[in-house]
């Protein structure tokens, strides 16, 4: 299955790059602020866009203005089986480059447990299967979080990143929904 996923990753990364458009982030924010249904005080973990990922920054700013507490992930070193850690963050908080070159909160930012995790991806299907970069960070993290409490797992993507079906392995954690610039897609099980 690794070869199949590797080929899919390359194809879906090209598809995502072709789908990227500047106005998508604002559309994503409008849809997300209405559709996610998160209350003030809830902790939502987002991410900082990397490469051609759809940018959640306008959505995160809107959530913060609505009283939602935000967090961003810090990634463990390459090859580590440790899960992501989520650190309290505000849109004006400083960031530093992490192990993979992604901007992350500073190491001394307070660790929090999110109620909702927004995750970037390369591809998704309507059954909730997600294809990421292949390191397994979100799968390990969500499995650990869900063992402790209910945690919503929402993919964030361009609508063009949807495929009919993705391969699945035993360790893959399915999404509850996917937020795109065209709408919120509920995922079936």
Protein backbone atom coordinates (compact mmCIF):
# COMPACT_ATOMS: atom_id res chain seq x y z
CA UNK A 1 0.00 0.00 0.00
CA UNK A 2 2.95 2.34 0.56
CA UNK A 3 3.67 2.53 -3.20
CA UNK A 4 0.02 3.29 -3.93
CA UNK A 5 -0.06 6.06 -1.31
CA UNK A 6 3.25 7.50 -2.56
CA UNK A 7 1.88 7.78 -6.10
CA UNK A 8 -1.34 9.29 -4.81
CA UNK A 9 0.55 11.85 -2.72
CA UNK A 10 2.46 13.12 -5.77
CA UNK A 11 -0.70 13.35 -7.89
CA UNK A 12 -2.74 15.02 -5.17
CA UNK A 13 0.00 17.50 -4.33
CA UNK A 14 -0.06 18.60 -8.00
CA UNK A 15 -3.87 18.79 -7.92
CA UNK A 16 -3.79 20.91 -4.75
CA UNK A 17 -1.22 23.29 -6.26
CA UNK A 18 -3.41 23.70 -9.35
CA UNK A 19 -6.49 24.38 -7.19
CA UNK A 20 -4.81 27.06 -5.05
CA UNK A 21 -6.40 30.48 -5.36
CA UNK A 22 -6.15 33.58 -3.23
CA UNK A 23 -9.89 34.06 -2.64
CA UNK A 24 -10.36 30.52 -1.29
CA UNK A 25 -9.14 31.43 2.22
CA UNK A 26 -11.84 34.08 2.63
CA UNK A 27 -14.55 31.72 1.34
CA UNK A 28 -13.27 29.02 3.72
CA UNK A 29 -13.50 31.48 6.63
CA UNK A 30 -17.09 32.52 5.80
CA UNK A 31 -18.22 28.90 5.55
CA UNK A 32 -16.26 27.75 8.59
CA UNK A 33 -17.46 30.52 10.87
CA UNK A 34 -21.07 29.53 10.14
CA UNK A 35 -20.69 25.77 9.71
CA UNK A 36 -18.26 24.62 12.40
CA UNK A 37 -20.57 25.57 15.25
CA UNK A 38 -17.91 26.12 17.89
CA UNK A 39 -18.79 28.14 21.00
CA UNK A 40 -16.65 30.71 22.80
CA UNK A 41 -14.10 29.04 25.07
CA UNK A 42 -13.82 25.88 22.96
CA UNK A 43 -10.23 25.04 21.94
CA UNK A 44 -9.74 24.72 18.19
CA UNK A 45 -6.36 23.56 16.91
CA UNK A 46 -5.52 24.95 13.49
CA UNK A 47 -2.33 25.05 11.45
CA UNK A 48 -0.17 27.51 9.53
CA UNK A 49 -0.44 26.94 5.78
CA UNK A 50 2.61 25.31 4.21
CA UNK A 51 3.36 24.87 0.51
CA UNK A 52 0.06 25.03 -1.41
CA UNK A 53 -2.22 24.19 1.55
CA UNK A 54 -5.39 26.25 1.79
CA UNK A 55 -4.74 29.06 4.27
CA UNK A 56 -6.86 28.87 7.44
CA UNK A 57 -5.55 32.22 8.80
CA UNK A 58 -8.75 34.23 8.07
CA UNK A 59 -10.86 31.45 9.65
CA UNK A 60 -8.63 31.32 12.73
CA UNK A 61 -8.77 35.12 13.09
CA UNK A 62 -12.57 35.01 12.90
CA UNK A 63 -12.76 32.22 15.46
CA UNK A 64 -10.48 34.17 17.82
CA UNK A 65 -12.68 37.27 17.43
CA UNK A 66 -15.68 35.09 18.38
CA UNK A 67 -14.00 34.02 21.64
CA UNK A 68 -12.73 30.62 20.52
CA UNK A 69 -9.39 29.62 22.07
CA UNK A 70 -6.84 28.70 19.40
CA UNK A 71 -3.92 26.31 19.39
CA UNK A 72 -1.32 25.34 16.83
CA UNK A 73 0.67 22.10 16.64
CA UNK A 74 4.34 21.55 17.32
CA UNK A 75 5.72 18.59 15.41
CA UNK A 76 8.08 16.08 17.04
CA UNK A 77 11.44 15.45 15.35
CA UNK A 78 11.47 13.41 12.13
CA UNK A 79 11.03 9.71 12.88
CA UNK A 80 9.69 10.24 16.40
CA UNK A 81 6.58 8.24 17.33
CA UNK A 82 5.46 11.07 19.67
CA UNK A 83 2.15 12.76 18.88
CA UNK A 84 1.79 16.41 17.98
CA UNK A 85 1.49 18.79 20.91
CA UNK A 86 -0.94 21.70 20.68
CA UNK A 87 0.06 25.05 22.13
CA UNK A 88 -2.20 27.97 22.98
CA UNK A 89 -1.86 30.61 20.28
CA UNK A 90 -3.37 33.94 19.19
CA UNK A 91 -3.10 35.52 15.73
CA UNK A 92 -0.54 38.03 17.05
CA UNK A 93 1.63 35.43 18.83
CA UNK A 94 5.18 34.84 17.54
CA UNK A 95 6.03 31.70 15.58
CA UNK A 96 9.28 29.87 14.80
CA UNK A 97 10.26 27.34 12.12
CA UNK A 98 9.87 23.76 13.31
CA UNK A 99 11.60 20.53 12.33
CA UNK A 100 9.90 20.35 8.91
CA UNK A 101 10.20 24.06 8.12
CA UNK A 102 6.60 24.75 9.17
CA UNK A 103 5.86 27.74 11.39
CA UNK A 104 4.95 26.63 14.92
CA UNK A 105 4.26 28.27 18.29
CA UNK A 106 7.23 28.84 20.53
CA UNK A 107 8.16 25.85 22.70
CA UNK A 108 7.23 27.68 25.91
CA UNK A 109 3.64 28.37 24.80
CA UNK A 110 1.14 26.59 27.06
CA UNK A 111 0.11 23.08 25.98
CA UNK A 112 -3.65 22.58 25.66
CA UNK A 113 -5.97 19.74 24.64
CA UNK A 114 -8.13 20.72 21.67
CA UNK A 115 -11.83 19.99 21.32
CA UNK A 116 -11.62 20.38 17.53
CA UNK A 117 -8.60 19.67 15.33
CA UNK A 118 -8.40 21.28 11.88
CA UNK A 119 -5.87 19.41 9.74
CA UNK A 120 -4.34 20.04 6.33
CA UNK A 121 -4.27 17.20 3.84
CA UNK A 122 -3.42 16.15 0.31
CA UNK A 123 -6.65 14.29 -0.43
CA UNK A 124 -9.91 13.14 1.15
CA UNK A 125 -12.98 11.08 0.37
CA UNK A 126 -16.55 11.26 1.66
CA UNK A 127 -16.01 8.28 3.94
CA UNK A 128 -13.57 10.40 5.98
CA UNK A 129 -10.34 8.88 4.73
CA UNK A 130 -7.51 11.43 4.64
CA UNK A 131 -4.20 11.30 2.82
CA UNK A 132 -1.52 13.36 4.53
CA UNK A 133 2.23 13.58 4.07
CA UNK A 134 2.89 10.05 5.34
CA UNK A 135 4.49 10.72 8.72
CA UNK A 136 1.37 9.68 10.68
CA UNK A 137 1.46 12.67 13.04
CA UNK A 138 -2.26 13.43 12.91
CA UNK A 139 -3.26 9.74 13.04
CA UNK A 140 -1.21 9.10 16.19
CA UNK A 141 -2.34 12.34 17.77
CA UNK A 142 -6.06 11.86 17.11
CA UNK A 143 -5.95 8.25 18.27
CA UNK A 144 -4.41 9.42 21.57
CA UNK A 145 -6.84 12.33 21.96
CA UNK A 146 -9.92 10.23 21.21
CA UNK A 147 -8.79 7.61 23.74
CA UNK A 148 -9.18 10.36 26.38
CA UNK A 149 -12.26 12.28 25.13
CA UNK A 150 -14.41 13.10 22.13
CA UNK A 151 -12.42 15.22 19.67
CA UNK A 152 -13.76 16.45 16.33
CA UNK A 153 -11.30 15.87 13.46
CA UNK A 154 -11.95 18.16 10.49
CA UNK A 155 -9.88 18.22 7.33
CA UNK A 156 -9.27 21.56 5.62
CA UNK A 157 -8.81 21.46 1.86
CA UNK A 158 -9.70 22.80 -1.54
CA UNK A 159 -12.82 21.08 -2.92
CA UNK A 160 -10.64 19.84 -5.81
CA UNK A 161 -8.73 17.62 -3.37
CA UNK A 162 -11.71 15.27 -3.03
CA UNK A 163 -11.34 11.82 -4.60
CA UNK A 164 -13.80 8.95 -4.90
CA UNK A 165 -11.92 6.65 -2.53
CA UNK A 166 -8.56 6.52 -0.76
CA UNK A 167 -6.67 3.48 0.47
CA UNK A 168 -6.85 2.91 4.20
CA UNK A 169 -4.56 1.21 6.70
CA UNK A 170 -5.42 0.04 10.21
CA UNK A 171 -3.71 3.04 11.86
CA UNK A 172 -5.52 5.68 9.75
CA UNK A 173 -7.95 7.88 11.70
CA UNK A 174 -10.99 9.04 9.77
CA UNK A 175 -12.20 12.61 9.53
CA UNK A 176 -15.58 13.70 10.89
CA UNK A 177 -15.91 16.34 8.17
CA UNK A 178 -13.93 18.35 5.63
CA UNK A 179 -14.13 22.13 5.33
CA UNK A 180 -13.55 23.47 1.81
CA UNK A 181 -14.04 26.80 0.07
CA UNK A 182 -17.33 25.37 -1.25
CA UNK A 183 -18.81 23.98 1.95
CA UNK A 184 -18.57 21.68 4.94
CA UNK A 185 -18.64 18.02 3.85
CA UNK A 186 -19.91 15.60 6.51
CA UNK A 187 -18.08 12.31 6.27
CA UNK A 188 -19.92 8.98 6.56
CA UNK A 189 -18.52 5.98 8.35
